[in-house]
């Protein structure tokens, strides 16, 4: 079974064909805090750069990433910080 991090990477690569994609597991820094389910996969940071974001506002980018992740955010992962940009930014 793939990790949540691997699943996130697959979904984002398929949706955006990013020129840069870093998915950082921040769960250890949230141990014992709200949303920590003990799985070790509750909090992530996504740094993604893709041409698809060129004509989108910051909010549209955030929504696009959350949409591409489907049921992962909110159901299986407590929090995702997103830094989305176009290659020219």
PDB file of N, CA and C in Angstrom:
ATOM      1  N   UNK A   1       0.845  -1.193   0.000  1.00  0.00           N
ATOM      2  CA  UNK A   1       0.000   0.000   0.000  1.00  0.00           C
ATOM      3  C   UNK A   1       0.882   1.245   0.000  1.00  0.00           C
ATOM      4  N   UNK A   2       0.579   2.179  -0.873  1.00  0.00           N
ATOM      5  CA  UNK A   2       1.348   3.416  -0.993  1.00  0.00           C
ATOM      6  C   UNK A   2       1.101   4.327   0.206  1.00  0.00           C
ATOM      7  N   UNK A   3       2.105   5.099   0.546  1.00  0.00           N
ATOM      8  CA  UNK A   3       1.944   6.074   1.613  1.00  0.00           C
ATOM      9  C   UNK A   3       1.079   7.220   1.110  1.00  0.00           C
ATOM     10  N   UNK A   4       0.555   7.987   2.035  1.00  0.00           N
ATOM     11  CA  UNK A   4      -0.243   9.160   1.666  1.00  0.00           C
ATOM     12  C   UNK A   4       0.625  10.127   0.869  1.00  0.00           C
ATOM     13  N   UNK A   5       1.863  10.277   1.263  1.00  0.00           N
ATOM     14  CA  UNK A   5       2.778  11.169   0.555  1.00  0.00           C
ATOM     15  C   UNK A   5       2.963  10.716  -0.893  1.00  0.00           C
ATOM     16  N   UNK A   6       3.130   9.424  -1.113  1.00  0.00           N
ATOM     17  CA  UNK A   6       3.269   8.895  -2.476  1.00  0.00           C
ATOM     18  C   UNK A   6       1.995   9.123  -3.288  1.00  0.00           C
ATOM     19  N   UNK A   7       0.860   8.932  -2.652  1.00  0.00           N
ATOM     20  CA  UNK A   7      -0.427   9.162  -3.322  1.00  0.00           C
ATOM     21  C   UNK A   7      -0.583  10.623  -3.729  1.00  0.00           C
ATOM     22  N   UNK A   8      -0.194  11.519  -2.827  1.00  0.00           N
ATOM     23  CA  UNK A   8      -0.269  12.948  -3.124  1.00  0.00           C
ATOM     24  C   UNK A   8       0.618  13.277  -4.324  1.00  0.00           C
ATOM     25  N   UNK A   9       1.812  12.731  -4.341  1.00  0.00           N
ATOM     26  CA  UNK A   9       2.729  12.988  -5.446  1.00  0.00           C
ATOM     27  C   UNK A   9       2.143  12.507  -6.778  1.00  0.00           C
ATOM     28  N   UNK A  10       1.603  11.318  -6.787  1.00  0.00           N
ATOM     29  CA  UNK A  10       1.005  10.767  -8.005  1.00  0.00           C
ATOM     30  C   UNK A  10      -0.124  11.648  -8.511  1.00  0.00           C
ATOM     31  N   UNK A  11      -1.027  12.031  -7.621  1.00  0.00           N
ATOM     32  CA  UNK A  11      -2.173  12.854  -8.017  1.00  0.00           C
ATOM     33  C   UNK A  11      -1.728  14.207  -8.569  1.00  0.00           C
ATOM     34  N   UNK A  12      -0.763  14.831  -7.916  1.00  0.00           N
ATOM     35  CA  UNK A  12      -0.322  16.157  -8.348  1.00  0.00           C
ATOM     36  C   UNK A  12       0.466  16.089  -9.658  1.00  0.00           C
ATOM     37  N   UNK A  13       1.259  15.057  -9.840  1.00  0.00           N
ATOM     38  CA  UNK A  13       1.986  14.904 -11.115  1.00  0.00           C
ATOM     39  C   UNK A  13       1.005  14.677 -12.270  1.00  0.00           C
ATOM     40  N   UNK A  14      -0.015  13.868 -12.028  1.00  0.00           N
ATOM     41  CA  UNK A  14      -1.013  13.611 -13.071  1.00  0.00           C
ATOM     42  C   UNK A  14      -1.831  14.856 -13.403  1.00  0.00           C
ATOM     43  N   UNK A  15      -2.162  15.635 -12.393  1.00  0.00           N
ATOM     44  CA  UNK A  15      -3.025  16.803 -12.606  1.00  0.00           C
ATOM     45  C   UNK A  15      -2.293  17.992 -13.224  1.00  0.00           C
ATOM     46  N   UNK A  16      -1.016  18.186 -12.866  1.00  0.00           N
ATOM     47  CA  UNK A  16      -0.347  19.432 -13.250  1.00  0.00           C
ATOM     48  C   UNK A  16       0.957  19.275 -14.034  1.00  0.00           C
ATOM     49  N   UNK A  17       1.522  18.085 -14.147  1.00  0.00           N
ATOM     50  CA  UNK A  17       2.832  17.892 -14.800  1.00  0.00           C
ATOM     51  C   UNK A  17       3.814  18.964 -14.319  1.00  0.00           C
ATOM     52  N   UNK A  18       4.050  19.024 -13.030  1.00  0.00           N
ATOM     53  CA  UNK A  18       4.860  20.112 -12.467  1.00  0.00           C
ATOM     54  C   UNK A  18       6.324  20.070 -12.901  1.00  0.00           C
ATOM     55  N   UNK A  19       6.921  21.261 -12.966  1.00  0.00           N
ATOM     56  CA  UNK A  19       8.351  21.376 -13.220  1.00  0.00           C
ATOM     57  C   UNK A  19       9.121  21.241 -11.907  1.00  0.00           C
ATOM     58  N   UNK A  20       8.431  21.439 -10.799  1.00  0.00           N
ATOM     59  CA  UNK A  20       9.001  21.221  -9.469  1.00  0.00           C
ATOM     60  C   UNK A  20       7.888  20.719  -8.563  1.00  0.00           C
ATOM     61  N   UNK A  21       8.204  19.705  -7.767  1.00  0.00           N
ATOM     62  CA  UNK A  21       7.254  19.209  -6.791  1.00  0.00           C
ATOM     63  C   UNK A  21       8.000  18.670  -5.588  1.00  0.00           C
ATOM     64  N   UNK A  22       7.768  19.297  -4.450  1.00  0.00           N
ATOM     65  CA  UNK A  22       8.324  18.832  -3.177  1.00  0.00           C
ATOM     66  C   UNK A  22       7.161  18.644  -2.221  1.00  0.00           C
ATOM     67  N   UNK A  23       7.078  17.468  -1.656  1.00  0.00           N
ATOM     68  CA  UNK A  23       6.063  17.190  -0.644  1.00  0.00           C
ATOM     69  C   UNK A  23       6.808  16.867   0.635  1.00  0.00           C
ATOM     70  N   UNK A  24       6.638  17.720   1.618  1.00  0.00           N
ATOM     71  CA  UNK A  24       7.372  17.617   2.865  1.00  0.00           C
ATOM     72  C   UNK A  24       6.432  17.160   3.966  1.00  0.00           C
ATOM     73  N   UNK A  25       6.788  16.073   4.628  1.00  0.00           N
ATOM     74  CA  UNK A  25       5.983  15.555   5.727  1.00  0.00           C
ATOM     75  C   UNK A  25       6.361  16.324   6.992  1.00  0.00           C
ATOM     76  N   UNK A  26       5.442  17.155   7.470  1.00  0.00           N
ATOM     77  CA  UNK A  26       5.650  17.977   8.667  1.00  0.00           C
ATOM     78  C   UNK A  26       5.035  17.349   9.916  1.00  0.00           C
ATOM     79  N   UNK A  27       4.566  16.128   9.818  1.00  0.00           N
ATOM     80  CA  UNK A  27       3.799  15.501  10.895  1.00  0.00           C
ATOM     81  C   UNK A  27       4.557  15.450  12.216  1.00  0.00           C
ATOM     82  N   UNK A  28       5.845  15.187  12.172  1.00  0.00           N
ATOM     83  CA  UNK A  28       6.619  15.068  13.411  1.00  0.00           C
ATOM     84  C   UNK A  28       6.608  16.361  14.219  1.00  0.00           C
ATOM     85  N   UNK A  29       6.530  17.498  13.547  1.00  0.00           N
ATOM     86  CA  UNK A  29       6.517  18.774  14.260  1.00  0.00           C
ATOM     87  C   UNK A  29       5.160  19.081  14.877  1.00  0.00           C
ATOM     88  N   UNK A  30       4.160  18.265  14.565  1.00  0.00           N
ATOM     89  CA  UNK A  30       2.806  18.463  15.094  1.00  0.00           C
ATOM     90  C   UNK A  30       2.397  17.352  16.056  1.00  0.00           C
ATOM     91  N   UNK A  31       3.338  16.492  16.424  1.00  0.00           N
ATOM     92  CA  UNK A  31       3.041  15.375  17.316  1.00  0.00           C
ATOM     93  C   UNK A  31       2.415  15.884  18.612  1.00  0.00           C
ATOM     94  N   UNK A  32       1.270  15.325  18.949  1.00  0.00           N
ATOM     95  CA  UNK A  32       0.574  15.706  20.169  1.00  0.00           C
ATOM     96  C   UNK A  32      -0.342  16.908  20.017  1.00  0.00           C
ATOM     97  N   UNK A  33      -0.312  17.554  18.867  1.00  0.00           N
ATOM     98  CA  UNK A  33      -1.160  18.716  18.625  1.00  0.00           C
ATOM     99  C   UNK A  33      -2.482  18.282  17.997  1.00  0.00           C
ATOM    100  N   UNK A  34      -3.378  19.224  17.861  1.00  0.00           N
ATOM    101  CA  UNK A  34      -4.659  18.967  17.221  1.00  0.00           C
ATOM    102  C   UNK A  34      -4.446  18.445  15.808  1.00  0.00           C
ATOM    103  N   UNK A  35      -5.167  17.408  15.475  1.00  0.00           N
ATOM    104  CA  UNK A  35      -5.080  16.847  14.137  1.00  0.00           C
ATOM    105  C   UNK A  35      -4.060  15.748  13.984  1.00  0.00           C
ATOM    106  N   UNK A  36      -3.191  15.566  14.974  1.00  0.00           N
ATOM    107  CA  UNK A  36      -2.211  14.478  14.915  1.00  0.00           C
ATOM    108  C   UNK A  36      -2.921  13.178  15.250  1.00  0.00           C
ATOM    109  N   UNK A  37      -3.028  12.297  14.248  1.00  0.00           N
ATOM    110  CA  UNK A  37      -3.739  11.035  14.460  1.00  0.00           C
ATOM    111  C   UNK A  37      -2.800   9.886  14.798  1.00  0.00           C
ATOM    112  N   UNK A  38      -1.511  10.190  14.936  1.00  0.00           N
ATOM    113  CA  UNK A  38      -0.539   9.151  15.279  1.00  0.00           C
ATOM    114  C   UNK A  38      -0.039   8.362  14.086  1.00  0.00           C
ATOM    115  N   UNK A  39      -0.535   8.648  12.890  1.00  0.00           N
ATOM    116  CA  UNK A  39      -0.145   7.892  11.695  1.00  0.00           C
ATOM    117  C   UNK A  39       1.220   8.312  11.159  1.00  0.00           C
ATOM    118  N   UNK A  40       1.664   9.502  11.537  1.00  0.00           N
ATOM    119  CA  UNK A  40       2.893  10.036  10.970  1.00  0.00           C
ATOM    120  C   UNK A  40       2.667  10.668   9.606  1.00  0.00           C
ATOM    121  N   UNK A  41       1.420  10.756   9.182  1.00  0.00           N
ATOM    122  CA  UNK A  41       1.069  11.368   7.901  1.00  0.00           C
ATOM    123  C   UNK A  41      -0.158  12.254   8.052  1.00  0.00           C
ATOM    124  N   UNK A  42      -0.037  13.252   8.930  1.00  0.00           N
ATOM    125  CA  UNK A  42      -1.184  14.120   9.201  1.00  0.00           C
ATOM    126  C   UNK A  42      -1.001  15.557   8.721  1.00  0.00           C
ATOM    127  N   UNK A  43       0.243  15.985   8.531  1.00  0.00           N
ATOM    128  CA  UNK A  43       0.530  17.368   8.150  1.00  0.00           C
ATOM    129  C   UNK A  43       1.605  17.390   7.060  1.00  0.00           C
ATOM    130  N   UNK A  44       1.344  18.146   5.987  1.00  0.00           N
ATOM    131  CA  UNK A  44       2.288  18.218   4.879  1.00  0.00           C
ATOM    132  C   UNK A  44       2.420  19.639   4.370  1.00  0.00           C
ATOM    133  N   UNK A  45       3.546  19.903   3.719  1.00  0.00           N
ATOM    134  CA  UNK A  45       3.741  21.119   2.938  1.00  0.00           C
ATOM    135  C   UNK A  45       3.967  20.683   1.501  1.00  0.00           C
ATOM    136  N   UNK A  46       3.255  21.310   0.570  1.00  0.00           N
ATOM    137  CA  UNK A  46       3.413  21.030  -0.855  1.00  0.00           C
ATOM    138  C   UNK A  46       3.988  22.279  -1.510  1.00  0.00           C
ATOM    139  N   UNK A  47       5.139  22.108  -2.154  1.00  0.00           N
ATOM    140  CA  UNK A  47       5.739  23.169  -2.953  1.00  0.00           C
ATOM    141  C   UNK A  47       5.648  22.689  -4.389  1.00  0.00           C
ATOM    142  N   UNK A  48       4.861  23.381  -5.195  1.00  0.00           N
ATOM    143  CA  UNK A  48       4.617  22.938  -6.567  1.00  0.00           C
ATOM    144  C   UNK A  48       4.732  24.110  -7.532  1.00  0.00           C
ATOM    145  N   UNK A  49       5.425  23.850  -8.627  1.00  0.00           N
ATOM    146  CA  UNK A  49       5.569  24.828  -9.700  1.00  0.00           C
ATOM    147  C   UNK A  49       5.102  24.157 -10.985  1.00  0.00           C
ATOM    148  N   UNK A  50       4.165  24.800 -11.671  1.00  0.00           N
ATOM    149  CA  UNK A  50       3.623  24.203 -12.889  1.00  0.00           C
ATOM    150  C   UNK A  50       3.124  25.290 -13.841  1.00  0.00           C
ATOM    151  N   UNK A  51       3.305  25.083 -15.132  1.00  0.00           N
ATOM    152  CA  UNK A  51       2.803  26.045 -16.113  1.00  0.00           C
ATOM    153  C   UNK A  51       1.295  26.287 -15.984  1.00  0.00           C
ATOM    154  N   UNK A  52       0.562  25.292 -15.551  1.00  0.00           N
ATOM    155  CA  UNK A  52      -0.894  25.412 -15.414  1.00  0.00           C
ATOM    156  C   UNK A  52      -1.307  26.539 -14.466  1.00  0.00           C
ATOM    157  N   UNK A  53      -0.409  26.950 -13.580  1.00  0.00           N
ATOM    158  CA  UNK A  53      -0.745  27.990 -12.601  1.00  0.00           C
ATOM    159  C   UNK A  53      -0.527  29.407 -13.141  1.00  0.00           C
ATOM    160  N   UNK A  54      -0.026  29.532 -14.366  1.00  0.00           N
ATOM    161  CA  UNK A  54       0.338  30.833 -14.921  1.00  0.00           C
ATOM    162  C   UNK A  54      -0.753  31.884 -14.912  1.00  0.00           C
ATOM    163  N   UNK A  55      -1.966  31.509 -15.240  1.00  0.00           N
ATOM    164  CA  UNK A  55      -3.065  32.479 -15.315  1.00  0.00           C
ATOM    165  C   UNK A  55      -3.981  32.429 -14.101  1.00  0.00           C
ATOM    166  N   UNK A  56      -3.558  31.756 -13.049  1.00  0.00           N
ATOM    167  CA  UNK A  56      -4.405  31.603 -11.861  1.00  0.00           C
ATOM    168  C   UNK A  56      -3.979  32.539 -10.739  1.00  0.00           C
ATOM    169  N   UNK A  57      -4.960  32.979  -9.966  1.00  0.00           N
ATOM    170  CA  UNK A  57      -4.668  33.744  -8.756  1.00  0.00           C
ATOM    171  C   UNK A  57      -4.159  32.780  -7.684  1.00  0.00           C
ATOM    172  N   UNK A  58      -3.643  33.313  -6.612  1.00  0.00           N
ATOM    173  CA  UNK A  58      -3.156  32.477  -5.507  1.00  0.00           C
ATOM    174  C   UNK A  58      -4.268  31.566  -4.984  1.00  0.00           C
ATOM    175  N   UNK A  59      -5.451  32.118  -4.816  1.00  0.00           N
ATOM    176  CA  UNK A  59      -6.585  31.344  -4.318  1.00  0.00           C
ATOM    177  C   UNK A  59      -6.976  30.239  -5.300  1.00  0.00           C
ATOM    178  N   UNK A  60      -6.993  30.554  -6.593  1.00  0.00           N
ATOM    179  CA  UNK A  60      -7.324  29.535  -7.602  1.00  0.00           C
ATOM    180  C   UNK A  60      -6.304  28.396  -7.591  1.00  0.00           C
ATOM    181  N   UNK A  61      -5.046  28.737  -7.380  1.00  0.00           N
ATOM    182  CA  UNK A  61      -4.004  27.699  -7.304  1.00  0.00           C
ATOM    183  C   UNK A  61      -4.236  26.790  -6.109  1.00  0.00           C
ATOM    184  N   UNK A  62      -4.515  27.401  -4.976  1.00  0.00           N
ATOM    185  CA  UNK A  62      -4.773  26.623  -3.752  1.00  0.00           C
ATOM    186  C   UNK A  62      -5.946  25.672  -3.968  1.00  0.00           C
ATOM    187  N   UNK A  63      -7.008  26.200  -4.539  1.00  0.00           N
ATOM    188  CA  UNK A  63      -8.202  25.381  -4.786  1.00  0.00           C
ATOM    189  C   UNK A  63      -7.917  24.263  -5.780  1.00  0.00           C
ATOM    190  N   UNK A  64      -7.112  24.544  -6.794  1.00  0.00           N
ATOM    191  CA  UNK A  64      -6.774  23.522  -7.792  1.00  0.00           C
ATOM    192  C   UNK A  64      -5.973  22.387  -7.158  1.00  0.00           C
ATOM    193  N   UNK A  65      -5.027  22.723  -6.312  1.00  0.00           N
ATOM    194  CA  UNK A  65      -4.216  21.694  -5.646  1.00  0.00           C
ATOM    195  C   UNK A  65      -5.090  20.866  -4.710  1.00  0.00           C
ATOM    196  N   UNK A  66      -5.903  21.526  -3.903  1.00  0.00           N
ATOM    197  CA  UNK A  66      -6.797  20.808  -2.987  1.00  0.00           C
ATOM    198  C   UNK A  66      -7.742  19.904  -3.780  1.00  0.00           C
ATOM    199  N   UNK A  67      -8.273  20.415  -4.890  1.00  0.00           N
ATOM    200  CA  UNK A  67      -9.167  19.626  -5.727  1.00  0.00           C
ATOM    201  C   UNK A  67      -8.479  18.397  -6.300  1.00  0.00           C
ATOM    202  N   UNK A  68      -7.237  18.561  -6.733  1.00  0.00           N
ATOM    203  CA  UNK A  68      -6.492  17.435  -7.306  1.00  0.00           C
ATOM    204  C   UNK A  68      -6.199  16.369  -6.261  1.00  0.00           C
ATOM    205  N   UNK A  69      -6.070  16.774  -5.007  1.00  0.00           N
ATOM    206  CA  UNK A  69      -5.775  15.813  -3.938  1.00  0.00           C
ATOM    207  C   UNK A  69      -7.012  15.033  -3.494  1.00  0.00           C
ATOM    208  N   UNK A  70      -8.187  15.469  -3.915  1.00  0.00           N
ATOM    209  CA  UNK A  70      -9.419  14.723  -3.631  1.00  0.00           C
ATOM    210  C   UNK A  70      -9.683  14.544  -2.150  1.00  0.00           C
ATOM    211  N   UNK A  71      -9.982  13.292  -1.756  1.00  0.00           N
ATOM    212  CA  UNK A  71     -10.373  13.020  -0.371  1.00  0.00           C
ATOM    213  C   UNK A  71      -9.207  12.987   0.606  1.00  0.00           C
ATOM    214  N   UNK A  72      -8.000  13.178   0.124  1.00  0.00           N
ATOM    215  CA  UNK A  72      -6.843  13.129   1.026  1.00  0.00           C
ATOM    216  C   UNK A  72      -6.919  14.242   2.061  1.00  0.00           C
ATOM    217  N   UNK A  73      -7.159  15.469   1.594  1.00  0.00           N
ATOM    218  CA  UNK A  73      -7.198  16.615   2.499  1.00  0.00           C
ATOM    219  C   UNK A  73      -8.533  16.643   3.224  1.00  0.00           C
ATOM    220  N   UNK A  74      -8.467  16.733   4.524  1.00  0.00           N
ATOM    221  CA  UNK A  74      -9.677  16.809   5.335  1.00  0.00           C
ATOM    222  C   UNK A  74     -10.163  15.465   5.838  1.00  0.00           C
ATOM    223  N   UNK A  75      -9.961  14.418   5.059  1.00  0.00           N
ATOM    224  CA  UNK A  75     -10.394  13.087   5.489  1.00  0.00           C
ATOM    225  C   UNK A  75      -9.234  12.240   5.975  1.00  0.00           C
ATOM    226  N   UNK A  76      -8.098  12.309   5.266  1.00  0.00           N
ATOM    227  CA  UNK A  76      -6.970  11.466   5.632  1.00  0.00           C
ATOM    228  C   UNK A  76      -5.771  12.260   6.127  1.00  0.00           C
ATOM    229  N   UNK A  77      -5.731  13.532   5.784  1.00  0.00           N
ATOM    230  CA  UNK A  77      -4.662  14.423   6.214  1.00  0.00           C
ATOM    231  C   UNK A  77      -5.308  15.625   6.873  1.00  0.00           C
ATOM    232  N   UNK A  78      -4.777  16.009   8.016  1.00  0.00           N
ATOM    233  CA  UNK A  78      -5.365  17.124   8.766  1.00  0.00           C
ATOM    234  C   UNK A  78      -5.066  18.477   8.124  1.00  0.00           C
ATOM    235  N   UNK A  79      -3.820  18.672   7.663  1.00  0.00           N
ATOM    236  CA  UNK A  79      -3.453  19.988   7.141  1.00  0.00           C
ATOM    237  C   UNK A  79      -2.420  19.878   6.028  1.00  0.00           C
ATOM    238  N   UNK A  80      -2.591  20.755   5.023  1.00  0.00           N
ATOM    239  CA  UNK A  80      -1.637  20.859   3.924  1.00  0.00           C
ATOM    240  C   UNK A  80      -1.362  22.342   3.683  1.00  0.00           C
ATOM    241  N   UNK A  81      -0.102  22.729   3.820  1.00  0.00           N
ATOM    242  CA  UNK A  81       0.313  24.081   3.457  1.00  0.00           C
ATOM    243  C   UNK A  81       0.740  24.019   1.999  1.00  0.00           C
ATOM    244  N   UNK A  82       0.280  24.981   1.190  1.00  0.00           N
ATOM    245  CA  UNK A  82       0.536  24.930  -0.247  1.00  0.00           C
ATOM    246  C   UNK A  82       1.263  26.180  -0.708  1.00  0.00           C
ATOM    247  N   UNK A  83       2.369  25.977  -1.415  1.00  0.00           N
ATOM    248  CA  UNK A  83       3.100  27.043  -2.081  1.00  0.00           C
ATOM    249  C   UNK A  83       3.087  26.701  -3.560  1.00  0.00           C
ATOM    250  N   UNK A  84       2.189  27.314  -4.318  1.00  0.00           N
ATOM    251  CA  UNK A  84       2.016  27.004  -5.736  1.00  0.00           C
ATOM    252  C   UNK A  84       2.396  28.211  -6.578  1.00  0.00           C
ATOM    253  N   UNK A  85       3.176  27.942  -7.623  1.00  0.00           N
ATOM    254  CA  UNK A  85       3.608  29.032  -8.501  1.00  0.00           C
ATOM    255  C   UNK A  85       3.765  28.520  -9.921  1.00  0.00           C
ATOM    256  N   UNK A  86       3.862  29.472 -10.839  1.00  0.00           N
ATOM    257  CA  UNK A  86       4.164  29.166 -12.233  1.00  0.00           C
ATOM    258  C   UNK A  86       5.675  29.259 -12.404  1.00  0.00           C
ATOM    259  N   UNK A  87       6.260  28.584 -13.390  1.00  0.00           N
ATOM    260  CA  UNK A  87       7.716  28.609 -13.569  1.00  0.00           C
ATOM    261  C   UNK A  87       8.330  30.000 -13.743  1.00  0.00           C
ATOM    262  N   UNK A  88       7.581  30.957 -14.230  1.00  0.00           N
ATOM    263  CA  UNK A  88       8.122  32.295 -14.457  1.00  0.00           C
ATOM    264  C   UNK A  88       8.073  33.177 -13.218  1.00  0.00           C
ATOM    265  N   UNK A  89       7.622  32.654 -12.109  1.00  0.00           N
ATOM    266  CA  UNK A  89       7.489  33.491 -10.901  1.00  0.00           C
ATOM    267  C   UNK A  89       8.609  33.250  -9.932  1.00  0.00           C
TER     268      UNK A  89
END
